[in-house]
N, C-alpha and C. Protein backbone atom coordinates (compact mmCIF):
# COMPACT_ATOMS: atom_id res chain seq x y z
N UNK A 1 0.85 -1.17 0.00
CA UNK A 1 0.00 0.00 0.00
C UNK A 1 0.89 1.23 0.00
N UNK A 2 0.65 2.20 -0.89
CA UNK A 2 1.40 3.43 -0.96
C UNK A 2 0.54 4.55 -0.40
N UNK A 3 1.18 5.39 0.43
CA UNK A 3 0.46 6.48 1.07
C UNK A 3 1.12 7.81 0.80
N UNK A 4 0.34 8.86 0.79
CA UNK A 4 0.89 10.19 0.66
C UNK A 4 1.67 10.53 1.93
N UNK A 5 2.83 11.20 1.79
CA UNK A 5 3.65 11.51 2.96
C UNK A 5 2.93 12.33 4.03
N UNK A 6 1.94 13.13 3.64
CA UNK A 6 1.26 13.99 4.62
C UNK A 6 0.18 13.25 5.40
N UNK A 7 -0.06 11.99 5.10
CA UNK A 7 -1.09 11.22 5.79
C UNK A 7 -0.52 10.68 7.08
N UNK A 8 -0.79 11.37 8.22
CA UNK A 8 -0.17 10.98 9.48
C UNK A 8 -1.15 10.61 10.57
N UNK A 9 -2.44 10.79 10.37
CA UNK A 9 -3.40 10.48 11.43
C UNK A 9 -3.98 9.07 11.30
N UNK A 10 -3.40 8.27 10.45
CA UNK A 10 -3.88 6.92 10.22
C UNK A 10 -3.22 5.92 11.17
N UNK A 11 -3.87 4.77 11.32
CA UNK A 11 -3.34 3.66 12.12
C UNK A 11 -2.81 2.59 11.17
N UNK A 12 -1.70 1.96 11.54
CA UNK A 12 -1.14 0.85 10.78
C UNK A 12 -1.78 -0.42 11.32
N UNK A 13 -2.32 -1.24 10.42
CA UNK A 13 -3.00 -2.47 10.80
C UNK A 13 -2.44 -3.66 10.03
N UNK A 14 -2.42 -4.82 10.70
CA UNK A 14 -1.99 -6.07 10.08
C UNK A 14 -3.17 -7.01 9.99
N UNK A 15 -3.22 -7.78 8.90
CA UNK A 15 -4.25 -8.80 8.75
C UNK A 15 -3.78 -10.06 9.48
N UNK A 16 -4.49 -10.42 10.54
CA UNK A 16 -4.22 -11.64 11.28
C UNK A 16 -5.35 -12.62 11.02
N UNK A 17 -5.26 -13.84 11.55
CA UNK A 17 -6.28 -14.86 11.30
C UNK A 17 -7.68 -14.42 11.71
N UNK A 18 -7.78 -13.62 12.76
CA UNK A 18 -9.09 -13.22 13.26
C UNK A 18 -9.49 -11.79 12.89
N UNK A 19 -8.82 -11.19 11.92
CA UNK A 19 -9.18 -9.85 11.46
C UNK A 19 -8.00 -8.89 11.50
N UNK A 20 -8.32 -7.61 11.35
CA UNK A 20 -7.30 -6.56 11.31
C UNK A 20 -6.92 -6.17 12.73
N UNK A 21 -5.62 -6.09 12.98
CA UNK A 21 -5.06 -5.74 14.29
C UNK A 21 -4.33 -4.42 14.17
N UNK A 22 -4.70 -3.42 14.98
CA UNK A 22 -4.04 -2.13 14.95
C UNK A 22 -2.72 -2.22 15.71
N UNK A 23 -1.63 -1.82 15.04
CA UNK A 23 -0.29 -1.95 15.60
C UNK A 23 0.22 -0.63 16.16
N UNK A 24 0.12 0.45 15.37
CA UNK A 24 0.67 1.74 15.79
C UNK A 24 0.11 2.85 14.91
N UNK A 25 0.48 4.06 15.22
CA UNK A 25 0.14 5.19 14.38
C UNK A 25 1.08 5.21 13.19
N UNK A 26 0.60 5.61 12.04
CA UNK A 26 1.45 5.69 10.85
C UNK A 26 2.64 6.61 11.10
N UNK A 27 2.45 7.66 11.87
CA UNK A 27 3.53 8.61 12.13
C UNK A 27 4.69 7.98 12.90
N UNK A 28 4.49 6.80 13.51
CA UNK A 28 5.58 6.12 14.22
C UNK A 28 6.56 5.47 13.26
N UNK A 29 6.17 5.32 12.00
CA UNK A 29 7.04 4.69 11.01
C UNK A 29 7.81 5.75 10.22
N UNK A 30 9.10 5.82 10.49
CA UNK A 30 9.97 6.75 9.79
C UNK A 30 10.45 6.08 8.51
N UNK A 31 10.28 6.71 7.36
CA UNK A 31 10.73 6.08 6.12
C UNK A 31 12.19 5.62 6.19
N UNK A 32 12.41 4.36 5.77
CA UNK A 32 13.75 3.81 5.75
C UNK A 32 14.20 3.15 7.05
N UNK A 33 13.35 3.19 8.08
CA UNK A 33 13.71 2.59 9.37
C UNK A 33 12.60 1.65 9.82
N UNK A 34 12.97 0.63 10.56
CA UNK A 34 12.00 -0.35 11.01
C UNK A 34 11.53 -0.10 12.43
N UNK A 35 10.38 -0.69 12.76
CA UNK A 35 9.80 -0.65 14.10
C UNK A 35 9.33 -2.06 14.43
N UNK A 36 9.62 -2.52 15.64
CA UNK A 36 9.14 -3.84 16.08
C UNK A 36 7.85 -3.66 16.86
N UNK A 37 6.95 -4.63 16.71
CA UNK A 37 5.69 -4.62 17.44
C UNK A 37 5.37 -6.03 17.90
N UNK A 38 4.73 -6.11 19.05
CA UNK A 38 4.32 -7.39 19.64
C UNK A 38 2.89 -7.70 19.21
N UNK A 39 2.68 -8.90 18.70
CA UNK A 39 1.36 -9.35 18.30
C UNK A 39 0.65 -10.01 19.48
N UNK A 40 -0.67 -10.15 19.43
CA UNK A 40 -1.42 -10.74 20.56
C UNK A 40 -0.96 -12.15 20.94
N UNK A 41 -0.44 -12.91 19.98
CA UNK A 41 0.00 -14.29 20.29
C UNK A 41 1.45 -14.37 20.76
N UNK A 42 2.10 -13.23 20.95
CA UNK A 42 3.47 -13.20 21.44
C UNK A 42 4.54 -13.11 20.38
N UNK A 43 4.17 -13.28 19.11
CA UNK A 43 5.16 -13.11 18.03
C UNK A 43 5.48 -11.63 17.87
N UNK A 44 6.63 -11.37 17.24
CA UNK A 44 7.02 -10.01 16.93
C UNK A 44 6.99 -9.80 15.42
N UNK A 45 6.62 -8.61 15.01
CA UNK A 45 6.60 -8.24 13.61
C UNK A 45 7.50 -7.03 13.42
N UNK A 46 8.16 -6.96 12.28
CA UNK A 46 8.97 -5.81 11.90
C UNK A 46 8.19 -5.03 10.85
N UNK A 47 7.95 -3.75 11.12
CA UNK A 47 7.19 -2.89 10.21
C UNK A 47 8.14 -1.90 9.56
N UNK A 48 7.91 -1.65 8.27
CA UNK A 48 8.73 -0.71 7.52
C UNK A 48 7.85 0.17 6.65
N UNK A 49 8.31 1.38 6.44
CA UNK A 49 7.68 2.32 5.49
C UNK A 49 8.81 2.86 4.65
N UNK A 50 8.70 2.71 3.33
CA UNK A 50 9.79 3.22 2.49
C UNK A 50 9.53 4.68 2.15
N UNK A 51 10.47 5.28 1.45
CA UNK A 51 10.38 6.72 1.15
C UNK A 51 9.23 7.05 0.20
N UNK A 52 8.72 6.06 -0.51
CA UNK A 52 7.56 6.27 -1.38
C UNK A 52 6.24 6.08 -0.63
N UNK A 53 6.32 5.70 0.65
CA UNK A 53 5.12 5.51 1.46
C UNK A 53 4.60 4.09 1.50
N UNK A 54 5.26 3.16 0.82
CA UNK A 54 4.86 1.75 0.82
C UNK A 54 5.10 1.15 2.20
N UNK A 55 4.13 0.34 2.67
CA UNK A 55 4.24 -0.31 3.97
C UNK A 55 4.53 -1.80 3.80
N UNK A 56 5.37 -2.33 4.72
CA UNK A 56 5.74 -3.74 4.70
C UNK A 56 5.72 -4.27 6.13
N UNK A 57 5.41 -5.55 6.28
CA UNK A 57 5.44 -6.19 7.59
C UNK A 57 5.95 -7.62 7.41
N UNK A 58 7.00 -7.95 8.16
CA UNK A 58 7.57 -9.30 8.13
C UNK A 58 7.83 -9.75 9.56
N UNK A 59 8.08 -11.04 9.73
CA UNK A 59 8.45 -11.57 11.03
C UNK A 59 9.74 -10.88 11.49
N UNK A 60 9.84 -10.52 12.74
CA UNK A 60 11.00 -9.82 13.26
C UNK A 60 12.17 -10.74 13.59
N UNK A 61 11.93 -12.05 13.65
CA UNK A 61 12.97 -13.00 14.04
C UNK A 61 13.88 -13.35 12.87
N UNK A 62 15.18 -13.15 13.05
CA UNK A 62 16.18 -13.54 12.06
C UNK A 62 16.32 -15.06 12.11
N UNK A 63 15.98 -15.77 11.02
CA UNK A 63 16.04 -17.24 11.07
C UNK A 63 17.46 -17.80 11.16
N UNK A 64 18.45 -17.01 10.85
CA UNK A 64 19.84 -17.47 10.91
C UNK A 64 20.40 -17.35 12.32
N UNK A 65 20.17 -16.22 12.97
CA UNK A 65 20.71 -16.00 14.30
C UNK A 65 19.72 -16.28 15.42
N UNK A 66 18.42 -16.32 15.10
CA UNK A 66 17.41 -16.62 16.09
C UNK A 66 16.93 -15.43 16.91
N UNK A 67 17.57 -14.28 16.76
CA UNK A 67 17.20 -13.10 17.55
C UNK A 67 16.13 -12.27 16.81
N UNK A 68 15.32 -11.59 17.57
CA UNK A 68 14.27 -10.72 17.01
C UNK A 68 14.87 -9.35 16.72
N UNK A 69 15.51 -9.23 15.54
CA UNK A 69 16.27 -8.01 15.23
C UNK A 69 16.04 -7.45 13.83
N UNK A 70 15.22 -8.07 13.01
CA UNK A 70 15.09 -7.59 11.63
C UNK A 70 14.58 -6.14 11.56
N UNK A 71 13.80 -5.72 12.54
CA UNK A 71 13.31 -4.34 12.55
C UNK A 71 14.46 -3.34 12.66
N UNK A 72 15.62 -3.78 13.12
CA UNK A 72 16.78 -2.89 13.27
C UNK A 72 17.75 -2.98 12.10
N UNK A 73 17.36 -3.72 11.06
CA UNK A 73 18.23 -3.89 9.90
C UNK A 73 18.21 -2.70 8.97
N UNK A 74 19.14 -2.71 8.03
CA UNK A 74 19.23 -1.66 7.02
C UNK A 74 18.34 -2.02 5.83
N UNK A 75 17.62 -1.03 5.31
CA UNK A 75 16.74 -1.27 4.17
C UNK A 75 17.43 -0.82 2.89
N UNK A 76 17.01 -1.41 1.79
CA UNK A 76 17.55 -1.05 0.48
C UNK A 76 16.74 -1.72 -0.60
N UNK A 77 17.26 -1.71 -1.83
CA UNK A 77 16.64 -2.41 -2.93
C UNK A 77 17.70 -3.16 -3.70
N UNK A 78 17.30 -4.30 -4.25
CA UNK A 78 18.17 -5.12 -5.09
C UNK A 78 17.32 -5.59 -6.26
N UNK A 79 17.69 -5.20 -7.48
CA UNK A 79 16.91 -5.55 -8.67
C UNK A 79 15.44 -5.20 -8.49
N UNK A 80 15.19 -4.01 -8.02
CA UNK A 80 13.84 -3.45 -7.79
C UNK A 80 13.08 -4.17 -6.68
N UNK A 81 13.74 -4.98 -5.88
CA UNK A 81 13.09 -5.67 -4.76
C UNK A 81 13.49 -4.99 -3.46
N UNK A 82 12.51 -4.46 -2.70
CA UNK A 82 12.83 -3.85 -1.41
C UNK A 82 13.25 -4.95 -0.42
N UNK A 83 14.28 -4.67 0.37
CA UNK A 83 14.74 -5.67 1.33
C UNK A 83 15.19 -5.01 2.63
N UNK A 84 15.33 -5.85 3.65
CA UNK A 84 15.98 -5.46 4.89
C UNK A 84 17.13 -6.43 5.09
N UNK A 85 18.29 -5.90 5.47
CA UNK A 85 19.46 -6.73 5.76
C UNK A 85 19.56 -6.90 7.27
N UNK A 86 19.63 -8.13 7.71
CA UNK A 86 19.71 -8.41 9.14
C UNK A 86 20.94 -7.75 9.73
N UNK A 87 20.81 -7.16 10.93
CA UNK A 87 21.97 -6.57 11.57
C UNK A 87 22.95 -7.63 12.12
N UNK A 88 22.54 -8.89 12.13
CA UNK A 88 23.41 -9.95 12.65
C UNK A 88 24.42 -10.39 11.61
N UNK A 89 23.97 -11.15 10.61
CA UNK A 89 24.89 -11.71 9.62
C UNK A 89 24.69 -11.10 8.22
N UNK A 90 23.85 -10.10 8.13
CA UNK A 90 23.63 -9.30 6.92
C UNK A 90 22.85 -9.99 5.81
N UNK A 91 22.18 -11.13 6.08
CA UNK A 91 21.33 -11.72 5.05
C UNK A 91 20.20 -10.75 4.74
N UNK A 92 19.83 -10.69 3.47
CA UNK A 92 18.80 -9.75 3.02
C UNK A 92 17.49 -10.50 2.80
N UNK A 93 16.39 -9.89 3.28
CA UNK A 93 15.06 -10.49 3.17
C UNK A 93 14.16 -9.54 2.37
N UNK A 94 13.55 -10.10 1.33
CA UNK A 94 12.62 -9.35 0.49
C UNK A 94 11.43 -8.92 1.35
N UNK A 95 11.13 -7.64 1.38
CA UNK A 95 10.05 -7.14 2.23
C UNK A 95 8.67 -7.49 1.69
N UNK A 96 8.56 -7.85 0.43
CA UNK A 96 7.25 -8.23 -0.13
C UNK A 96 6.95 -9.71 0.08
N UNK A 97 7.96 -10.56 -0.13
CA UNK A 97 7.71 -12.00 -0.09
C UNK A 97 8.30 -12.70 1.13
N UNK A 98 9.24 -12.06 1.81
CA UNK A 98 9.93 -12.69 2.94
C UNK A 98 11.08 -13.59 2.52
N UNK A 99 11.27 -13.78 1.22
CA UNK A 99 12.33 -14.65 0.70
C UNK A 99 13.71 -14.08 1.03
N UNK A 100 14.61 -14.93 1.52
CA UNK A 100 15.99 -14.52 1.73
C UNK A 100 16.66 -14.40 0.38
N UNK A 101 17.26 -13.26 0.08
CA UNK A 101 17.90 -13.04 -1.20
C UNK A 101 19.26 -13.72 -1.28
N UNK A 102 19.77 -14.17 -0.14
CA UNK A 102 21.10 -14.78 -0.08
C UNK A 102 21.05 -16.29 0.11
N UNK A 103 19.90 -16.84 0.41
CA UNK A 103 19.73 -18.28 0.60
C UNK A 103 18.28 -18.63 0.26
N UNK A 104 18.05 -19.14 -0.94
CA UNK A 104 16.68 -19.38 -1.41
C UNK A 104 15.89 -20.37 -0.58
N UNK A 105 16.56 -21.14 0.27
CA UNK A 105 15.85 -22.12 1.09
C UNK A 105 15.24 -21.51 2.35
N UNK A 106 15.48 -20.22 2.59
CA UNK A 106 15.03 -19.57 3.82
C UNK A 106 14.06 -18.44 3.48
N UNK A 107 13.03 -18.33 4.32
CA UNK A 107 12.01 -17.30 4.15
C UNK A 107 11.46 -16.91 5.53
N UNK A 108 11.05 -15.67 5.69
CA UNK A 108 10.36 -15.23 6.90
C UNK A 108 8.90 -14.94 6.53
N UNK A 109 8.04 -15.00 7.52
CA UNK A 109 6.62 -14.74 7.30
C UNK A 109 6.42 -13.26 6.93
N UNK A 110 5.43 -13.02 6.08
CA UNK A 110 5.02 -11.66 5.74
C UNK A 110 3.57 -11.48 6.17
N UNK A 111 3.18 -10.24 6.32
CA UNK A 111 1.82 -9.92 6.74
C UNK A 111 1.24 -8.87 5.78
N UNK A 112 -0.06 -8.99 5.52
CA UNK A 112 -0.75 -7.93 4.79
C UNK A 112 -0.87 -6.75 5.73
N UNK A 113 -0.53 -5.57 5.24
CA UNK A 113 -0.52 -4.38 6.09
C UNK A 113 -1.26 -3.26 5.38
N UNK A 114 -1.92 -2.42 6.17
CA UNK A 114 -2.63 -1.27 5.60
C UNK A 114 -2.59 -0.12 6.60
N UNK A 115 -2.87 1.06 6.11
CA UNK A 115 -3.07 2.23 6.97
C UNK A 115 -4.54 2.60 6.81
N UNK A 116 -5.22 2.75 7.94
CA UNK A 116 -6.66 2.97 7.91
C UNK A 116 -7.04 4.04 8.90
């Protein structure tokens, strides 16, 4: 979902099994930086907003190191694919699909996200 930069009174929501879950205010997401949020079932999600206003949500747990740190990773693009690089071992995860760009056998969960 792409949003106008001036849209700041909206809430960021994730689609979970039982409906939409409000995570935070859109203004809490600084373009190019991640934010971690706790889900009702105890999992953590990493939320990102890029400079074009696109929102992404992936599992916050780095599958290589096991720590919940992906929200603190560096964002970028590779072949037009937005990614976050883990701060641990620097593996890159596609923010749209969760696919690891450095090891095709590894993927993190992604979530449908919207601002409402």
